[in-house]
N, C-alpha and C. Protein backbone atom coordinates (compact mmCIF):
# COMPACT_ATOMS: atom_id res chain seq x y z
N MET A 1 2.25 -13.99 15.14
CA MET A 1 1.14 -14.25 14.15
C MET A 1 1.84 -14.69 12.85
N ASN A 2 1.46 -15.76 12.18
CA ASN A 2 2.01 -16.05 10.96
C ASN A 2 1.27 -15.41 9.83
N VAL A 3 1.92 -15.65 8.55
CA VAL A 3 1.52 -14.83 7.42
C VAL A 3 0.02 -15.16 7.03
N ILE A 4 -0.21 -16.45 7.17
CA ILE A 4 -1.82 -16.69 6.83
C ILE A 4 -2.71 -15.98 7.85
N ASP A 5 -2.28 -16.06 9.16
CA ASP A 5 -3.17 -15.26 9.93
C ASP A 5 -3.28 -13.69 9.80
N ALA A 6 -2.18 -13.20 9.30
CA ALA A 6 -2.02 -11.84 8.94
C ALA A 6 -2.88 -11.59 7.68
N ILE A 7 -3.01 -12.48 6.70
CA ILE A 7 -3.93 -12.45 5.39
C ILE A 7 -5.31 -12.54 5.95
N ARG A 8 -5.68 -13.57 6.82
CA ARG A 8 -7.15 -13.63 7.26
C ARG A 8 -7.68 -12.56 8.09
N LEU A 9 -6.54 -11.96 8.91
CA LEU A 9 -7.22 -10.87 9.95
C LEU A 9 -6.94 -9.41 9.37
N ARG A 10 -6.17 -9.12 8.27
CA ARG A 10 -5.90 -7.77 7.77
C ARG A 10 -7.28 -7.26 7.43
N ARG A 11 -7.63 -5.91 7.56
CA ARG A 11 -8.69 -5.07 7.17
C ARG A 11 -8.13 -3.84 6.69
N SER A 12 -8.83 -3.09 5.83
CA SER A 12 -8.61 -1.74 5.55
C SER A 12 -9.04 -0.98 6.71
N ILE A 13 -8.33 -0.11 7.23
CA ILE A 13 -8.60 0.85 8.35
C ILE A 13 -8.72 2.24 8.06
N ARG A 14 -9.89 2.69 8.41
CA ARG A 14 -10.29 4.01 8.04
C ARG A 14 -10.34 4.96 9.34
N GLU A 15 -9.98 4.58 10.40
CA GLU A 15 -9.98 5.31 11.77
C GLU A 15 -8.50 5.02 12.52
N TYR A 16 -7.97 6.06 12.56
CA TYR A 16 -6.56 5.99 12.96
C TYR A 16 -6.35 6.85 14.58
N LYS A 17 -5.56 6.15 15.37
CA LYS A 17 -5.04 6.86 16.51
C LYS A 17 -3.91 8.07 15.95
N SER A 18 -3.82 9.02 16.65
CA SER A 18 -2.81 10.04 16.27
C SER A 18 -1.28 9.66 16.92
N ASP A 19 -1.40 8.58 17.65
CA ASP A 19 -0.08 7.98 18.15
C ASP A 19 1.08 7.98 17.08
N PRO A 20 2.21 8.59 17.22
CA PRO A 20 3.16 8.35 16.38
C PRO A 20 3.70 6.91 16.23
N ILE A 21 4.20 6.55 15.31
CA ILE A 21 4.67 5.15 15.02
C ILE A 21 6.24 5.35 15.52
N PRO A 22 6.65 4.45 16.36
CA PRO A 22 8.10 4.56 16.87
C PRO A 22 9.07 4.22 15.49
N ASP A 23 10.19 4.87 15.47
CA ASP A 23 11.06 4.97 14.41
C ASP A 23 11.35 3.53 14.02
N ASP A 24 11.70 2.62 15.09
CA ASP A 24 12.05 1.23 14.75
C ASP A 24 11.23 0.44 14.06
N LEU A 25 9.93 0.72 14.51
CA LEU A 25 8.72 0.04 13.82
C LEU A 25 8.52 0.44 12.40
N LEU A 26 8.46 1.75 12.19
CA LEU A 26 8.59 2.25 10.89
C LEU A 26 9.51 1.80 10.01
N GLU A 27 10.70 1.63 10.55
CA GLU A 27 11.89 1.06 9.72
C GLU A 27 11.71 -0.37 9.24
N ARG A 28 11.03 -1.22 10.27
CA ARG A 28 10.65 -2.51 9.94
C ARG A 28 9.48 -2.59 8.63
N MET A 29 8.77 -1.55 8.71
CA MET A 29 7.74 -1.62 7.63
C MET A 29 8.24 -1.33 6.29
N LEU A 30 9.29 -0.19 6.41
CA LEU A 30 9.84 -0.01 5.03
C LEU A 30 10.91 -1.11 4.61
N GLU A 31 11.39 -1.79 5.47
CA GLU A 31 12.15 -2.97 5.22
C GLU A 31 11.32 -3.98 4.46
N ALA A 32 10.09 -4.21 4.95
CA ALA A 32 9.24 -5.13 4.19
C ALA A 32 8.87 -4.74 2.92
N ILE A 33 8.85 -3.44 2.67
CA ILE A 33 8.63 -2.87 1.31
C ILE A 33 9.86 -3.22 0.32
N ARG A 34 10.96 -2.72 0.91
CA ARG A 34 12.34 -2.89 0.33
C ARG A 34 12.73 -4.33 -0.13
N LEU A 35 12.24 -5.28 0.73
CA LEU A 35 12.59 -6.64 0.47
C LEU A 35 11.59 -7.40 -0.50
N ALA A 36 10.63 -6.61 -1.00
CA ALA A 36 9.68 -7.27 -2.01
C ALA A 36 10.36 -7.62 -3.14
N PRO A 37 9.90 -8.81 -3.81
CA PRO A 37 10.29 -9.16 -5.15
C PRO A 37 9.71 -8.35 -6.23
N SER A 38 10.63 -8.34 -7.38
CA SER A 38 10.03 -7.65 -8.59
C SER A 38 10.50 -8.47 -9.81
N ALA A 39 9.95 -8.14 -10.80
CA ALA A 39 10.27 -8.85 -12.05
C ALA A 39 11.69 -8.70 -12.34
N CYS A 40 12.56 -9.68 -12.55
CA CYS A 40 13.97 -9.48 -12.90
C CYS A 40 14.82 -8.72 -12.00
N ASN A 41 14.17 -8.68 -10.64
CA ASN A 41 14.80 -7.78 -9.43
C ASN A 41 15.16 -6.34 -9.84
N ASN A 42 14.32 -5.86 -10.91
CA ASN A 42 14.45 -4.43 -11.31
C ASN A 42 14.14 -3.35 -10.20
N GLN A 43 13.34 -3.68 -9.42
CA GLN A 43 12.89 -2.89 -8.30
C GLN A 43 12.53 -1.38 -8.78
N PRO A 44 11.50 -1.39 -9.73
CA PRO A 44 11.06 -0.23 -10.28
C PRO A 44 10.24 0.70 -9.75
N TRP A 45 10.71 1.18 -8.44
CA TRP A 45 9.75 1.82 -7.53
C TRP A 45 10.66 2.92 -6.82
N ARG A 46 9.77 3.94 -6.26
CA ARG A 46 10.22 4.70 -5.31
C ARG A 46 9.03 5.04 -4.38
N PHE A 47 9.19 5.11 -3.06
CA PHE A 47 8.16 5.29 -2.12
C PHE A 47 8.38 6.67 -1.24
N VAL A 48 7.57 7.41 -1.29
CA VAL A 48 7.60 8.55 -0.38
C VAL A 48 6.82 8.39 0.93
N VAL A 49 7.69 8.68 2.08
CA VAL A 49 7.20 8.51 3.28
C VAL A 49 6.80 9.84 3.85
N VAL A 50 5.45 9.98 4.14
CA VAL A 50 5.05 11.39 4.62
C VAL A 50 4.58 11.30 6.02
N ARG A 51 5.19 12.26 6.73
CA ARG A 51 4.76 12.38 8.18
C ARG A 51 4.35 13.88 8.56
N ASN A 52 4.61 14.87 7.87
CA ASN A 52 4.09 16.24 8.04
C ASN A 52 2.72 16.35 7.95
N ALA A 53 2.18 16.97 9.03
CA ALA A 53 0.65 17.09 9.25
C ALA A 53 0.04 17.91 8.14
N ALA A 54 0.65 18.99 7.71
CA ALA A 54 0.09 19.90 6.64
C ALA A 54 0.24 19.09 5.30
N THR A 55 1.27 18.19 4.92
CA THR A 55 1.35 17.43 3.78
C THR A 55 0.41 16.44 3.83
N MET A 56 0.24 15.78 5.00
CA MET A 56 -0.89 14.67 5.15
C MET A 56 -2.26 15.28 4.95
N GLN A 57 -2.77 16.47 5.32
CA GLN A 57 -3.86 17.02 5.00
C GLN A 57 -4.07 17.27 3.46
N ALA A 58 -3.05 17.70 2.71
CA ALA A 58 -3.09 18.04 1.33
C ALA A 58 -3.07 16.62 0.64
N LEU A 59 -2.35 15.59 1.16
CA LEU A 59 -2.59 14.32 0.58
C LEU A 59 -4.14 13.92 0.62
N ALA A 60 -4.66 13.96 1.91
CA ALA A 60 -6.12 13.61 1.93
C ALA A 60 -6.93 14.40 0.93
N LYS A 61 -6.74 15.64 0.91
CA LYS A 61 -7.52 16.41 0.00
C LYS A 61 -7.28 15.83 -1.45
N ALA A 62 -6.17 15.79 -1.95
CA ALA A 62 -5.88 15.10 -3.11
C ALA A 62 -6.43 13.81 -3.43
N SER A 63 -6.86 13.21 -2.41
CA SER A 63 -7.31 11.77 -2.61
C SER A 63 -8.80 11.77 -2.23
N ARG A 64 -9.54 12.63 -3.00
CA ARG A 64 -10.94 12.88 -2.92
C ARG A 64 -11.45 13.14 -1.53
N ASN A 65 -10.68 13.93 -0.84
CA ASN A 65 -11.03 14.42 0.41
C ASN A 65 -11.26 13.21 1.47
N GLN A 66 -10.60 12.25 1.51
CA GLN A 66 -10.76 11.08 2.48
C GLN A 66 -9.86 11.49 3.74
N ALA A 67 -10.52 12.24 4.48
CA ALA A 67 -9.96 12.81 5.74
C ALA A 67 -9.25 11.88 6.69
N PHE A 68 -9.71 10.54 6.57
CA PHE A 68 -9.11 9.64 7.52
C PHE A 68 -7.64 9.42 7.07
N ILE A 69 -7.16 9.70 5.98
CA ILE A 69 -5.63 9.62 5.53
C ILE A 69 -4.99 10.37 6.53
N ALA A 70 -5.41 11.75 6.72
CA ALA A 70 -4.76 12.78 7.58
C ALA A 70 -4.67 12.46 8.97
N GLU A 71 -5.49 11.54 9.37
CA GLU A 71 -5.64 11.11 10.78
C GLU A 71 -4.44 10.25 11.25
N ALA A 72 -3.96 9.42 10.14
CA ALA A 72 -2.82 8.64 10.55
C ALA A 72 -1.62 9.34 10.68
N PRO A 73 -0.49 8.99 11.35
CA PRO A 73 0.64 9.63 11.66
C PRO A 73 1.59 9.64 10.47
N VAL A 74 1.40 8.57 9.50
CA VAL A 74 2.28 8.30 8.46
C VAL A 74 1.45 8.02 7.14
N ALA A 75 2.01 8.31 5.99
CA ALA A 75 1.32 7.84 4.70
C ALA A 75 2.61 7.45 3.89
N ILE A 76 2.37 6.38 3.18
CA ILE A 76 3.30 5.78 2.10
C ILE A 76 2.72 6.11 0.73
N VAL A 77 3.45 6.78 -0.02
CA VAL A 77 3.01 6.99 -1.52
C VAL A 77 3.90 6.13 -2.27
N ALA A 78 3.27 5.12 -3.02
CA ALA A 78 3.99 4.23 -3.88
C ALA A 78 4.06 4.47 -5.26
N CYS A 79 5.37 4.76 -5.85
CA CYS A 79 5.39 5.20 -7.32
C CYS A 79 6.19 4.04 -8.09
N GLY A 80 5.53 3.89 -9.36
CA GLY A 80 6.18 2.93 -10.17
C GLY A 80 6.97 3.63 -11.17
N LEU A 81 8.09 2.96 -11.55
CA LEU A 81 9.13 3.64 -12.63
C LEU A 81 9.08 2.77 -13.95
N PRO A 82 8.09 3.06 -14.77
CA PRO A 82 7.92 2.18 -15.85
C PRO A 82 9.23 2.14 -16.72
N ASP A 83 10.04 3.17 -16.80
CA ASP A 83 11.14 3.02 -17.66
C ASP A 83 12.22 2.14 -17.03
N LYS A 84 12.05 1.62 -15.78
CA LYS A 84 12.97 0.78 -15.11
C LYS A 84 12.42 -0.59 -15.09
N ALA A 85 11.27 -0.76 -15.37
CA ALA A 85 10.55 -2.00 -15.07
C ALA A 85 10.79 -3.07 -16.30
N TYR A 86 10.63 -4.31 -15.94
CA TYR A 86 10.64 -5.50 -16.86
C TYR A 86 9.73 -5.26 -17.99
N THR A 87 9.92 -5.38 -19.25
CA THR A 87 8.95 -5.28 -20.35
C THR A 87 8.93 -6.54 -21.13
N ARG A 88 7.72 -6.91 -21.57
CA ARG A 88 7.72 -8.08 -22.48
C ARG A 88 8.09 -7.64 -23.81
N MET A 89 8.39 -8.82 -24.63
CA MET A 89 8.88 -8.52 -25.94
C MET A 89 7.90 -7.63 -26.70
N GLY A 90 8.49 -6.71 -27.32
CA GLY A 90 7.58 -5.94 -28.11
C GLY A 90 7.04 -4.40 -27.18
N GLY A 91 7.39 -4.66 -25.87
CA GLY A 91 7.25 -3.52 -25.05
C GLY A 91 5.62 -3.22 -24.76
N TYR A 92 4.83 -3.98 -25.09
CA TYR A 92 3.50 -3.75 -24.91
C TYR A 92 2.93 -3.86 -23.34
N TRP A 93 3.73 -4.33 -22.54
CA TRP A 93 3.39 -4.34 -21.10
C TRP A 93 4.75 -4.16 -20.19
N ASN A 94 4.44 -3.53 -19.06
CA ASN A 94 5.86 -3.57 -18.20
C ASN A 94 5.11 -3.75 -16.73
N SER A 95 6.17 -4.25 -15.88
CA SER A 95 5.85 -4.87 -14.62
C SER A 95 5.65 -3.79 -13.37
N ALA A 96 5.74 -2.38 -13.78
CA ALA A 96 5.86 -1.58 -12.73
C ALA A 96 4.76 -1.55 -11.71
N GLU A 97 3.56 -1.46 -12.25
CA GLU A 97 2.42 -1.42 -11.39
C GLU A 97 2.22 -2.65 -10.43
N ILE A 98 2.62 -3.86 -11.17
CA ILE A 98 2.39 -5.09 -10.37
C ILE A 98 3.51 -5.16 -9.42
N ASP A 99 4.69 -4.97 -9.76
CA ASP A 99 5.93 -4.89 -8.65
C ASP A 99 5.66 -4.08 -7.60
N VAL A 100 5.16 -2.71 -7.73
CA VAL A 100 4.64 -1.90 -6.75
C VAL A 100 3.61 -2.61 -5.91
N ALA A 101 2.58 -3.10 -6.61
CA ALA A 101 1.46 -3.74 -5.66
C ALA A 101 2.01 -4.83 -4.85
N ILE A 102 2.96 -5.62 -5.36
CA ILE A 102 3.52 -6.71 -4.48
C ILE A 102 4.24 -6.08 -3.29
N ALA A 103 4.98 -4.86 -3.45
CA ALA A 103 5.63 -4.29 -2.40
C ALA A 103 4.69 -3.68 -1.40
N ILE A 104 3.50 -3.10 -1.78
CA ILE A 104 2.48 -2.52 -0.87
C ILE A 104 1.98 -3.70 -0.37
N ASP A 105 1.63 -4.86 -0.77
CA ASP A 105 1.02 -5.90 -0.17
C ASP A 105 1.87 -6.41 1.05
N HIS A 106 3.41 -6.46 0.72
CA HIS A 106 4.43 -6.83 1.93
C HIS A 106 4.01 -5.94 3.02
N LEU A 107 4.05 -4.50 2.76
CA LEU A 107 3.65 -3.59 3.75
C LEU A 107 2.48 -3.89 4.58
N THR A 108 1.36 -4.16 3.85
CA THR A 108 0.05 -4.43 4.57
C THR A 108 0.02 -5.66 5.45
N LEU A 109 0.82 -6.62 5.03
CA LEU A 109 0.89 -7.87 5.99
C LEU A 109 1.77 -7.61 7.22
N ALA A 110 3.09 -6.94 6.79
CA ALA A 110 3.86 -6.68 7.96
C ALA A 110 3.08 -5.73 9.01
N ALA A 111 2.38 -4.84 8.24
CA ALA A 111 1.77 -3.87 9.18
C ALA A 111 0.67 -4.65 10.23
N ALA A 112 -0.07 -5.46 9.47
CA ALA A 112 -1.10 -6.24 10.16
C ALA A 112 -0.44 -7.05 11.38
N GLU A 113 0.63 -7.76 11.03
CA GLU A 113 1.59 -8.52 12.10
C GLU A 113 1.92 -7.66 13.26
N ALA A 114 2.17 -6.33 13.05
CA ALA A 114 2.76 -5.37 13.90
C ALA A 114 1.54 -4.58 14.68
N GLY A 115 0.40 -4.78 14.43
CA GLY A 115 -0.69 -4.11 14.95
C GLY A 115 -0.98 -2.71 14.47
N LEU A 116 -0.48 -2.61 13.12
CA LEU A 116 -0.79 -1.34 12.51
C LEU A 116 -1.81 -1.47 11.45
N GLY A 117 -2.40 -0.38 11.12
CA GLY A 117 -3.32 -0.44 10.04
C GLY A 117 -2.89 0.19 8.84
N THR A 118 -3.63 -0.21 7.70
CA THR A 118 -3.24 0.38 6.28
C THR A 118 -4.76 0.37 5.61
N CYS A 119 -4.63 1.07 4.70
CA CYS A 119 -5.83 1.19 3.70
C CYS A 119 -5.45 1.60 2.21
N TRP A 120 -5.38 0.76 1.42
CA TRP A 120 -5.19 0.69 0.04
C TRP A 120 -5.92 1.72 -0.52
N ILE A 121 -5.15 2.98 -1.03
CA ILE A 121 -5.92 4.03 -1.58
C ILE A 121 -5.59 4.08 -3.12
N GLY A 122 -6.59 3.98 -3.97
CA GLY A 122 -6.27 4.19 -5.40
C GLY A 122 -7.18 5.28 -5.95
N ALA A 123 -8.01 6.09 -5.21
CA ALA A 123 -8.77 7.19 -5.67
C ALA A 123 -8.09 8.54 -5.45
N PHE A 124 -7.37 9.08 -6.17
CA PHE A 124 -6.60 10.28 -5.94
C PHE A 124 -6.32 11.00 -7.27
N ASP A 125 -5.98 12.23 -7.10
CA ASP A 125 -5.60 13.04 -8.32
C ASP A 125 -4.14 12.90 -8.57
N GLU A 126 -3.58 12.14 -9.45
CA GLU A 126 -2.19 11.84 -9.65
C GLU A 126 -1.49 13.18 -9.71
N ARG A 127 -1.98 14.03 -10.68
CA ARG A 127 -1.21 15.34 -10.82
C ARG A 127 -1.10 16.14 -9.59
N GLU A 128 -1.97 16.38 -8.72
CA GLU A 128 -1.89 17.11 -7.53
C GLU A 128 -0.92 16.30 -6.62
N ILE A 129 -0.94 14.99 -6.42
CA ILE A 129 -0.07 14.34 -5.47
C ILE A 129 1.57 14.45 -6.09
N LYS A 130 1.63 14.39 -7.41
CA LYS A 130 2.89 14.60 -7.96
C LYS A 130 3.53 16.07 -7.76
N GLN A 131 2.71 17.00 -7.80
CA GLN A 131 3.06 18.41 -7.47
C GLN A 131 3.30 18.62 -6.09
N LEU A 132 2.57 18.01 -5.19
CA LEU A 132 2.74 18.11 -3.84
C LEU A 132 3.86 17.63 -3.36
N LEU A 133 4.41 16.39 -3.80
CA LEU A 133 5.52 15.62 -3.30
C LEU A 133 6.69 15.76 -4.24
N ARG A 134 6.57 16.41 -5.22
CA ARG A 134 7.74 16.73 -6.28
C ARG A 134 8.04 15.37 -6.80
N ILE A 135 7.16 14.63 -7.30
CA ILE A 135 7.27 13.49 -7.95
C ILE A 135 7.51 13.63 -9.53
N PRO A 136 8.70 13.07 -9.97
CA PRO A 136 8.88 13.41 -11.40
C PRO A 136 7.89 12.77 -12.50
N GLN A 137 7.89 13.44 -13.42
CA GLN A 137 6.86 13.16 -14.44
C GLN A 137 6.87 11.68 -14.97
N ALA A 138 8.18 10.98 -14.99
CA ALA A 138 8.22 9.76 -15.47
C ALA A 138 7.73 8.70 -14.56
N ALA A 139 7.55 9.13 -13.24
CA ALA A 139 6.98 8.23 -12.20
C ALA A 139 5.42 8.12 -12.31
N LYS A 140 5.07 6.93 -11.82
CA LYS A 140 3.42 6.79 -11.86
C LYS A 140 3.08 6.57 -10.44
N VAL A 141 2.19 7.51 -9.94
CA VAL A 141 1.63 7.17 -8.51
C VAL A 141 0.76 5.94 -8.71
N VAL A 142 1.07 4.81 -8.07
CA VAL A 142 0.29 3.65 -8.23
C VAL A 142 -0.82 3.58 -7.10
N ALA A 143 -0.33 3.92 -5.82
CA ALA A 143 -1.21 3.83 -4.77
C ALA A 143 -0.57 4.48 -3.62
N LEU A 144 -1.47 4.73 -2.59
CA LEU A 144 -0.96 5.34 -1.19
C LEU A 144 -1.79 4.52 -0.10
N THR A 145 -0.91 4.57 1.08
CA THR A 145 -1.73 4.00 2.25
C THR A 145 -1.32 4.68 3.48
N PRO A 146 -2.33 5.10 4.15
CA PRO A 146 -2.17 5.76 5.52
C PRO A 146 -1.56 4.47 6.32
N LEU A 147 -0.90 4.77 7.43
CA LEU A 147 -0.21 3.73 8.17
C LEU A 147 -0.18 4.40 9.73
N GLY A 148 -0.82 3.46 10.54
CA GLY A 148 -0.89 3.98 11.97
C GLY A 148 -1.61 2.94 12.95
N PHE A 149 -1.72 3.23 14.08
CA PHE A 149 -2.48 2.33 15.10
C PHE A 149 -4.04 2.65 14.71
N PRO A 150 -4.71 1.41 14.74
CA PRO A 150 -6.23 1.62 14.49
C PRO A 150 -6.94 2.17 15.78
N LYS A 151 -7.92 3.08 15.55
CA LYS A 151 -8.64 3.38 16.77
C LYS A 151 -9.39 2.33 17.34
N LYS A 152 -9.99 1.38 16.56
CA LYS A 152 -10.80 0.37 17.07
C LYS A 152 -10.04 -0.86 16.91
N ASP A 153 -10.44 -1.95 17.51
CA ASP A 153 -9.99 -3.32 17.32
C ASP A 153 -10.31 -3.95 16.15
N SER A 154 -10.68 -3.27 15.18
CA SER A 154 -11.31 -3.73 13.95
C SER A 154 -10.13 -4.49 13.01
N LEU A 155 -8.98 -4.21 13.31
CA LEU A 155 -7.87 -4.90 12.63
C LEU A 155 -7.83 -6.36 12.62
N PHE A 156 -8.27 -6.87 13.79
CA PHE A 156 -8.19 -8.31 14.02
C PHE A 156 -9.60 -8.90 13.92
N ARG A 157 -10.28 -8.68 12.91
CA ARG A 157 -11.60 -9.30 12.69
C ARG A 157 -11.40 -10.24 11.58
N PRO A 158 -11.68 -11.45 11.78
CA PRO A 158 -11.47 -12.57 10.69
C PRO A 158 -12.49 -12.30 9.68
N CYS A 159 -11.86 -12.59 8.34
CA CYS A 159 -12.87 -12.46 7.18
C CYS A 159 -13.88 -13.61 7.28
N LYS A 160 -15.15 -13.35 7.04
CA LYS A 160 -16.13 -13.99 7.03
C LYS A 160 -16.17 -14.91 5.70
N PRO A 161 -16.41 -16.30 5.69
CA PRO A 161 -16.56 -16.90 4.35
C PRO A 161 -17.31 -16.30 3.39
N GLU A 162 -18.43 -15.84 3.80
CA GLU A 162 -19.37 -15.20 2.70
C GLU A 162 -18.93 -13.76 2.25
N ASP A 163 -17.75 -13.19 2.82
CA ASP A 163 -17.23 -11.96 2.11
C ASP A 163 -16.27 -12.54 1.00
N ARG A 164 -15.96 -13.62 0.81
CA ARG A 164 -15.32 -14.15 -0.49
C ARG A 164 -15.89 -14.92 -1.32
N LYS A 165 -15.42 -14.96 -2.64
CA LYS A 165 -16.17 -15.88 -3.49
C LYS A 165 -15.72 -17.38 -3.07
N PRO A 166 -16.68 -18.21 -3.56
CA PRO A 166 -16.31 -19.74 -3.24
C PRO A 166 -15.23 -20.18 -4.10
N LYS A 167 -14.41 -21.25 -3.55
CA LYS A 167 -13.29 -21.67 -4.26
C LYS A 167 -13.44 -22.07 -5.72
N ASP A 168 -14.57 -22.61 -5.93
CA ASP A 168 -14.93 -23.05 -7.32
C ASP A 168 -15.05 -21.91 -8.34
N ASP A 169 -15.37 -20.74 -7.64
CA ASP A 169 -15.39 -19.52 -8.71
C ASP A 169 -14.08 -18.88 -8.87
N VAL A 170 -13.09 -19.15 -8.08
CA VAL A 170 -11.78 -18.60 -8.18
C VAL A 170 -10.80 -19.35 -8.92
N PHE A 171 -10.92 -20.77 -8.59
CA PHE A 171 -9.70 -21.63 -9.21
C PHE A 171 -10.20 -22.59 -10.17
N GLY A 172 -9.35 -22.97 -11.19
CA GLY A 172 -9.55 -23.82 -12.20
C GLY A 172 -8.33 -24.87 -12.04
N PHE A 173 -8.52 -26.10 -12.14
CA PHE A 173 -7.46 -26.87 -12.00
C PHE A 173 -7.35 -27.65 -13.38
N GLU A 174 -6.07 -27.75 -13.80
CA GLU A 174 -5.67 -28.13 -15.12
C GLU A 174 -6.41 -27.39 -16.45
N LYS A 175 -7.56 -26.62 -16.26
CA LYS A 175 -8.04 -25.73 -17.08
C LYS A 175 -8.68 -24.63 -16.60
N TYR A 176 -9.21 -23.59 -17.38
CA TYR A 176 -9.73 -22.54 -16.78
C TYR A 176 -10.90 -22.79 -16.11
């Protein structure tokens, strides 16, 4: 599968098999994250890999009781480090959240190519997750995703054109 196919076919998966992810496959997924670009190559991030069943349950609870998170054999919790990120002149903006988002997108596409499912989770209690995983106060939990084999074959269902805005509503050429 090429990257465009992975983009077209990737879906948010909310039902996972309990089958473990082989270590070499998990390493490939982590490498996809590690190789992601970031502003000025600062790499202002840290990712927590969760496999412990009790911790997965607590993570699901801290994520508005989204039980499907605990069905997956792995979760990746993505943290941005604002003090390590690129900042614009004046310091009114920094790249940490965008850089982390790029890395998670690398993961979601690598996972789709490998037949693994993901689901970008932004609904969570950051304080609870920080306490659960001993994440320092200076770090910001940006997102998390379960990672595992989908229960159904829904991973490879192409996006319908009507699911996305028409090109004219998305792109402007030479002007907004």
